[in-house]
N, C-alpha and C. Protein backbone atom coordinates (compact mmCIF):
# COMPACT_ATOMS: atom_id res chain seq x y z
N UNK A 1 0.58 -1.10 0.17
CA UNK A 1 -0.11 -0.13 0.07
C UNK A 1 1.14 1.36 0.14
N UNK A 2 1.99 1.80 0.92
CA UNK A 2 3.09 2.25 0.74
C UNK A 2 3.51 2.91 -0.48
N UNK A 3 3.76 1.86 -1.00
CA UNK A 3 4.82 1.83 -2.10
C UNK A 3 3.66 2.64 -3.20
N UNK A 4 2.57 2.55 -3.40
CA UNK A 4 1.31 3.45 -4.45
C UNK A 4 1.16 4.57 -4.14
N UNK A 5 1.66 5.64 -2.63
CA UNK A 5 1.48 6.54 -2.44
C UNK A 5 2.67 7.71 -2.44
N UNK A 6 4.01 6.33 -2.35
CA UNK A 6 5.21 7.06 -2.26
C UNK A 6 5.45 6.55 -3.44
N UNK A 7 5.46 6.78 -5.06
CA UNK A 7 5.94 6.73 -5.80
C UNK A 7 7.22 7.66 -5.91
N UNK A 8 8.33 6.96 -6.66
CA UNK A 8 9.78 8.17 -6.34
C UNK A 8 9.52 8.72 -7.19
N UNK A 9 8.57 8.90 -8.28
CA UNK A 9 9.12 9.76 -9.30
C UNK A 9 8.02 11.34 -8.62
N UNK A 10 6.76 10.90 -8.46
CA UNK A 10 5.76 12.29 -7.95
C UNK A 10 6.94 12.72 -6.46
N UNK A 11 7.57 11.56 -5.37
CA UNK A 11 7.87 12.50 -4.42
C UNK A 11 9.09 13.33 -5.24
N UNK A 12 9.49 12.78 -6.03
CA UNK A 12 11.29 12.86 -6.22
C UNK A 12 10.33 14.66 -7.12
N UNK A 13 9.45 14.77 -7.72
CA UNK A 13 8.95 15.80 -8.57
C UNK A 13 8.27 17.14 -7.23
N UNK A 14 8.22 16.34 -6.35
CA UNK A 14 7.60 17.33 -5.70
C UNK A 14 9.13 18.01 -4.65
N UNK A 15 9.55 17.72 -4.32
CA UNK A 15 10.69 17.87 -3.85
C UNK A 15 11.53 18.35 -4.64
N UNK A 16 11.72 18.72 -5.76
CA UNK A 16 12.35 19.42 -6.74
C UNK A 16 11.93 20.70 -7.25
N UNK A 17 10.49 20.65 -6.91
CA UNK A 17 9.49 21.69 -7.12
C UNK A 17 9.70 22.66 -5.63
N UNK A 18 9.92 22.13 -4.78
CA UNK A 18 10.22 22.89 -3.44
C UNK A 18 11.27 23.59 -3.04
N UNK A 19 12.80 22.85 -3.59
CA UNK A 19 13.64 23.47 -3.39
C UNK A 19 14.01 24.04 -5.24
N UNK A 20 12.96 24.47 -5.93
CA UNK A 20 13.18 25.30 -6.84
C UNK A 20 12.51 26.74 -6.23
N UNK A 21 11.18 26.20 -5.43
CA UNK A 21 10.89 27.53 -4.72
C UNK A 21 11.98 28.32 -4.28
N UNK A 22 12.47 27.54 -3.09
CA UNK A 22 13.12 28.04 -1.86
C UNK A 22 14.08 28.60 -2.84
N UNK A 23 14.64 28.14 -3.71
CA UNK A 23 15.99 28.75 -3.97
C UNK A 23 15.75 30.06 -4.74
N UNK A 24 14.24 30.30 -5.31
CA UNK A 24 14.02 31.61 -5.98
C UNK A 24 13.73 32.43 -5.18
N UNK A 25 13.61 32.00 -3.56
CA UNK A 25 14.35 33.13 -2.74
C UNK A 25 15.41 34.03 -2.46
N UNK A 26 16.43 33.35 -2.92
CA UNK A 26 17.60 33.72 -2.60
C UNK A 26 18.10 34.15 -3.81
N UNK A 27 17.80 33.97 -4.77
CA UNK A 27 18.67 33.57 -6.54
C UNK A 27 17.48 34.49 -7.45
N UNK A 28 16.32 35.06 -7.40
CA UNK A 28 15.66 35.05 -8.04
C UNK A 28 14.98 34.50 -9.50
N UNK A 29 14.07 34.75 -10.19
CA UNK A 29 14.03 33.32 -11.16
C UNK A 29 14.87 33.07 -12.29
N UNK A 30 13.96 32.03 -12.91
CA UNK A 30 15.04 31.18 -13.44
C UNK A 30 15.92 32.49 -14.98
N UNK A 31 16.31 32.20 -15.56
CA UNK A 31 17.59 33.00 -16.50
C UNK A 31 16.48 33.17 -17.72
N UNK A 32 15.78 31.93 -17.58
CA UNK A 32 15.02 31.86 -18.93
C UNK A 32 13.21 32.11 -18.90
N UNK A 33 12.82 32.77 -17.88
CA UNK A 33 11.74 33.05 -17.78
C UNK A 33 11.23 34.60 -18.30
N UNK A 34 10.04 34.64 -18.88
CA UNK A 34 9.72 35.74 -19.38
C UNK A 34 9.68 36.90 -18.48
N UNK A 35 10.43 38.27 -18.30
CA UNK A 35 10.25 39.47 -17.25
C UNK A 35 8.40 39.83 -17.31
N UNK A 36 8.51 40.07 -16.20
CA UNK A 36 6.61 40.70 -15.87
C UNK A 36 6.60 41.76 -16.63
N UNK A 37 5.19 41.49 -17.39
CA UNK A 37 5.09 43.21 -17.94
C UNK A 37 3.91 43.65 -17.84
N UNK A 38 3.39 43.43 -16.53
CA UNK A 38 1.92 43.52 -15.79
C UNK A 38 0.59 43.06 -16.14
N UNK A 39 -0.63 43.12 -15.72
CA UNK A 39 -1.71 42.45 -15.84
C UNK A 39 -1.44 41.81 -17.38
N UNK A 40 -2.42 41.03 -17.42
CA UNK A 40 -2.55 40.49 -18.86
C UNK A 40 -3.76 40.39 -19.04
N UNK A 41 -3.70 40.57 -20.60
CA UNK A 41 -5.30 41.58 -21.52
C UNK A 41 -6.47 41.26 -20.92
N UNK A 42 -6.92 41.86 -20.59
CA UNK A 42 -9.00 41.73 -20.06
C UNK A 42 -8.73 41.29 -18.83
N UNK A 43 -7.55 41.40 -17.92
CA UNK A 43 -7.79 41.38 -16.57
C UNK A 43 -8.19 42.44 -16.09
N UNK A 44 -8.86 42.28 -14.75
CA UNK A 44 -9.87 43.17 -13.65
C UNK A 44 -8.77 44.49 -13.43
N UNK A 45 -7.64 44.18 -13.59
CA UNK A 45 -6.89 45.58 -12.48
C UNK A 45 -6.07 46.42 -13.79
N UNK A 46 -6.36 46.11 -15.32
CA UNK A 46 -5.85 46.76 -16.05
C UNK A 46 -7.08 47.93 -16.68
N UNK A 47 -6.17 49.23 -16.69
CA UNK A 47 -6.66 50.26 -16.89
C UNK A 47 -7.47 50.09 -18.47
N UNK A 48 -8.65 50.77 -18.78
CA UNK A 48 -9.05 51.10 -19.96
C UNK A 48 -8.94 52.46 -19.92
N UNK A 49 -8.37 52.83 -21.56
CA UNK A 49 -8.00 53.77 -22.01
C UNK A 49 -9.24 55.05 -22.58
N UNK A 50 -10.02 54.65 -22.54
CA UNK A 50 -11.87 55.26 -22.35
C UNK A 50 -12.26 55.91 -21.69
N UNK A 51 -11.46 55.51 -20.48
CA UNK A 51 -12.32 55.40 -19.29
C UNK A 51 -11.96 55.99 -18.35
N UNK A 52 -12.22 57.64 -17.53
CA UNK A 52 -11.30 58.58 -17.02
C UNK A 52 -11.05 58.02 -15.91
N UNK A 53 -10.02 58.51 -14.92
CA UNK A 53 -9.47 58.39 -13.55
C UNK A 53 -10.49 58.98 -12.48
N UNK A 54 -10.77 58.81 -11.55
CA UNK A 54 -11.76 59.22 -10.62
C UNK A 54 -10.89 60.26 -9.93
N UNK A 55 -11.34 61.15 -9.11
CA UNK A 55 -10.74 61.92 -8.65
C UNK A 55 -9.46 61.27 -7.49
N UNK A 56 -9.88 60.60 -6.84
CA UNK A 56 -8.88 59.68 -5.51
C UNK A 56 -7.98 59.16 -6.78
N UNK A 57 -8.13 58.90 -7.59
CA UNK A 57 -7.57 57.85 -8.97
C UNK A 57 -6.45 59.31 -9.48
N UNK A 58 -6.81 60.26 -9.57
CA UNK A 58 -6.04 61.24 -10.34
C UNK A 58 -5.42 61.43 -8.95
N UNK A 59 -5.38 62.09 -7.58
CA UNK A 59 -4.94 62.23 -6.82
C UNK A 59 -3.52 61.47 -6.06
N UNK A 60 -3.72 59.94 -6.41
CA UNK A 60 -3.01 58.67 -5.71
C UNK A 60 -2.02 58.99 -7.12
N UNK A 61 -2.46 59.36 -8.23
CA UNK A 61 -1.38 58.76 -9.28
C UNK A 61 -0.44 60.24 -8.94
N UNK A 62 -0.55 61.52 -8.35
CA UNK A 62 -0.27 62.75 -8.83
C UNK A 62 0.66 62.02 -7.45
N UNK A 63 0.13 61.73 -6.09
CA UNK A 63 1.19 61.69 -5.07
C UNK A 63 2.18 60.68 -5.14
N UNK A 64 1.84 59.64 -5.81
CA UNK A 64 3.17 58.80 -6.33
C UNK A 64 3.55 58.90 -7.28
N UNK A 65 3.55 60.16 -8.00
CA UNK A 65 4.42 60.67 -8.78
C UNK A 65 4.18 59.33 -10.28
N UNK A 66 3.46 58.67 -10.91
CA UNK A 66 3.38 57.63 -11.58
C UNK A 66 3.09 58.55 -12.57
N UNK A 67 3.17 58.18 -13.82
CA UNK A 67 2.51 58.53 -15.53
C UNK A 67 2.87 60.12 -15.23
């Protein structure tokens, strides 16, 4: 029964992914990884160009010096 639960490939893969994630905390992402470019198209956090900013959003942009 235990040999079915502890399959070597599955355990090895889980250990590899855990160690990779731990290593990224110290070294950064893999060199082959694509750089992040913001939210994907259609994502709810992406701003619409045809919708003006609210007064609160304009104030935040002014305070943060963005855009």
